[in-house]
C-alpha atoms as a PDB file:
ATOM      1  CA  MET A   1      -0.010   0.009   0.019  1.00  0.00           C
ATOM      2  CA  GLY A   2       1.427   3.338  -1.055  1.00  0.00           C
ATOM      3  CA  THR A   3       1.457   6.725   0.712  1.00  0.00           C
ATOM      4  CA  ALA A   4      -1.326   8.062  -1.357  1.00  0.00           C
ATOM      5  CA  GLU A   5      -3.565   5.140  -0.644  1.00  0.00           C
ATOM      6  CA  ILE A   6      -2.827   5.498   3.073  1.00  0.00           C
ATOM      7  CA  TYR A   7      -3.829   9.228   2.812  1.00  0.00           C
ATOM      8  CA  GLU A   8      -6.951   8.321   1.005  1.00  0.00           C
ATOM      9  CA  GLN A   9      -8.016   5.737   3.770  1.00  0.00           C
ATOM     10  CA  LEU A  10      -7.097   8.039   6.495  1.00  0.00           C
ATOM     11  CA  THR A  11      -9.085  10.840   5.016  1.00  0.00           C
ATOM     12  CA  GLU A  12     -12.110   8.708   4.659  1.00  0.00           C
ATOM     13  CA  LEU A  13     -11.746   7.380   8.197  1.00  0.00           C
ATOM     14  CA  PHE A  14     -11.337  10.941   9.668  1.00  0.00           C
ATOM     15  CA  ARG A  15     -14.292  12.295   7.714  1.00  0.00           C
ATOM     16  CA  GLU A  16     -16.443   9.403   9.033  1.00  0.00           C
ATOM     17  CA  PHE A  17     -15.168   9.604  12.550  1.00  0.00           C
ATOM     18  CA  PHE A  18     -15.621  13.341  12.815  1.00  0.00           C
ATOM     19  CA  SER A  19     -18.673  13.607  10.698  1.00  0.00           C
ATOM     20  CA  ASN A  20     -17.033  16.162   8.560  1.00  0.00           C
ATOM     21  CA  ASP A  21     -16.648  15.602   4.729  1.00  0.00           C
ATOM     22  CA  ASP A  22     -14.579  18.735   4.448  1.00  0.00           C
ATOM     23  CA  ILE A  23     -11.519  17.179   6.120  1.00  0.00           C
ATOM     24  CA  VAL A  24      -8.407  17.128   4.011  1.00  0.00           C
ATOM     25  CA  LEU A  25      -5.418  15.502   5.556  1.00  0.00           C
ATOM     26  CA  LYS A  26      -1.973  16.811   4.843  1.00  0.00           C
ATOM     27  CA  PRO A  27       1.433  15.792   6.474  1.00  0.00           C
ATOM     28  CA  ASP A  28       1.312  18.792   8.881  1.00  0.00           C
ATOM     29  CA  THR A  29      -2.402  18.275   9.866  1.00  0.00           C
ATOM     30  CA  SER A  30      -2.581  17.815  13.702  1.00  0.00           C
ATOM     31  CA  ALA A  31      -5.292  17.536  16.314  1.00  0.00           C
ATOM     32  CA  LYS A  32      -5.472  21.414  16.636  1.00  0.00           C
ATOM     33  CA  ASP A  33      -6.536  21.506  12.882  1.00  0.00           C
ATOM     34  CA  ILE A  34      -9.629  19.240  13.332  1.00  0.00           C
ATOM     35  CA  GLU A  35     -12.536  20.236  15.458  1.00  0.00           C
ATOM     36  CA  GLY A  36     -13.337  17.451  18.049  1.00  0.00           C
ATOM     37  CA  TRP A  37      -9.896  15.847  17.895  1.00  0.00           C
ATOM     38  CA  ASP A  38      -9.048  15.981  21.509  1.00  0.00           C
ATOM     39  CA  SER A  39      -7.141  13.538  23.805  1.00  0.00           C
ATOM     40  CA  PHE A  40     -10.148  11.360  24.379  1.00  0.00           C
ATOM     41  CA  ASN A  41     -11.023  11.099  20.626  1.00  0.00           C
ATOM     42  CA  HIS A  42      -7.307  10.486  19.871  1.00  0.00           C
ATOM     43  CA  LEU A  43      -7.369   7.124  21.392  1.00  0.00           C
ATOM     44  CA  SER A  44     -10.607   6.163  19.509  1.00  0.00           C
ATOM     45  CA  VAL A  45      -9.152   7.376  16.280  1.00  0.00           C
ATOM     46  CA  MET A  46      -5.917   5.384  16.754  1.00  0.00           C
ATOM     47  CA  VAL A  47      -7.935   2.205  17.425  1.00  0.00           C
ATOM     48  CA  ALA A  48      -9.840   2.894  14.217  1.00  0.00           C
ATOM     49  CA  VAL A  49      -6.538   3.395  12.339  1.00  0.00           C
ATOM     50  CA  GLU A  50      -5.173   0.048  13.725  1.00  0.00           C
ATOM     51  CA  THR A  51      -8.404  -1.666  12.665  1.00  0.00           C
ATOM     52  CA  ARG A  52      -8.512  -0.094   9.249  1.00  0.00           C
ATOM     53  CA  PHE A  53      -4.880  -0.916   8.389  1.00  0.00           C
ATOM     54  CA  ASN A  54      -4.689  -4.177  10.510  1.00  0.00           C
ATOM     55  CA  VAL A  55      -1.702  -2.795  12.480  1.00  0.00           C
ATOM     56  CA  LYS A  56      -0.829  -2.544  16.171  1.00  0.00           C
ATOM     57  CA  MET A  57       0.783   0.382  17.572  1.00  0.00           C
ATOM     58  CA  LYS A  58       2.426   0.727  21.020  1.00  0.00           C
ATOM     59  CA  THR A  59       1.381   3.666  23.366  1.00  0.00           C
ATOM     60  CA  SER A  60       4.894   4.840  23.215  1.00  0.00           C
ATOM     61  CA  GLU A  61       4.674   5.105  19.468  1.00  0.00           C
ATOM     62  CA  LEU A  62       1.443   6.906  19.590  1.00  0.00           C
ATOM     63  CA  ASP A  63       2.646   9.421  22.077  1.00  0.00           C
ATOM     64  CA  LYS A  64       5.357  10.500  19.663  1.00  0.00           C
ATOM     65  CA  LEU A  65       3.072  11.272  16.741  1.00  0.00           C
ATOM     66  CA  ALA A  66       2.860  14.989  16.334  1.00  0.00           C
ATOM     67  CA  ASN A  67       0.883  15.119  12.950  1.00  0.00           C
ATOM     68  CA  VAL A  68      -0.807  13.075  10.186  1.00  0.00           C
ATOM     69  CA  GLY A  69       2.555  12.813   8.260  1.00  0.00           C
ATOM     70  CA  GLU A  70       4.096  10.981  11.181  1.00  0.00           C
ATOM     71  CA  LEU A  71       1.090   8.789  11.543  1.00  0.00           C
ATOM     72  CA  VAL A  72       1.306   7.821   7.801  1.00  0.00           C
ATOM     73  CA  SER A  73       5.148   7.030   8.205  1.00  0.00           C
ATOM     74  CA  ALA A  74       4.253   4.777  11.211  1.00  0.00           C
ATOM     75  CA  ILE A  75       1.549   3.036   9.233  1.00  0.00           C
ATOM     76  CA  GLU A  76       3.964   2.543   6.343  1.00  0.00           C
ATOM     77  CA  ASP A  77       6.558   1.253   8.670  1.00  0.00           C
ATOM     78  CA  LYS A  78       4.118  -1.330  10.201  1.00  0.00           C
ATOM     79  CA  LEU A  79       2.925  -2.438   6.732  1.00  0.00           C
ATOM     80  CA  GLU A  80       6.371  -2.920   5.553  1.00  0.00           C
ATOM     81  CA  ARG A  81       7.382  -5.011   8.569  1.00  0.00           C
ATOM     82  CA  ARG A  82       4.699  -7.672   7.769  1.00  0.00           C
END
């Protein structure tokens, strides 16, 4: 799965999760850019990401993610390791 496909799937997931079809994810998109993406919803979003991509992330990995670009990189890394 390539980077563009990961962004497509993440965008779809975020739009569904936050009920906002206007969300456009970019590498520098972070929680402050999306209304409703708070610490509580962060965990739910990450569970949805793990399910969608069939990957498992450690809490320490999740804590280091500062933006969507870093999330995409982490997903790519997990998919490559399979």
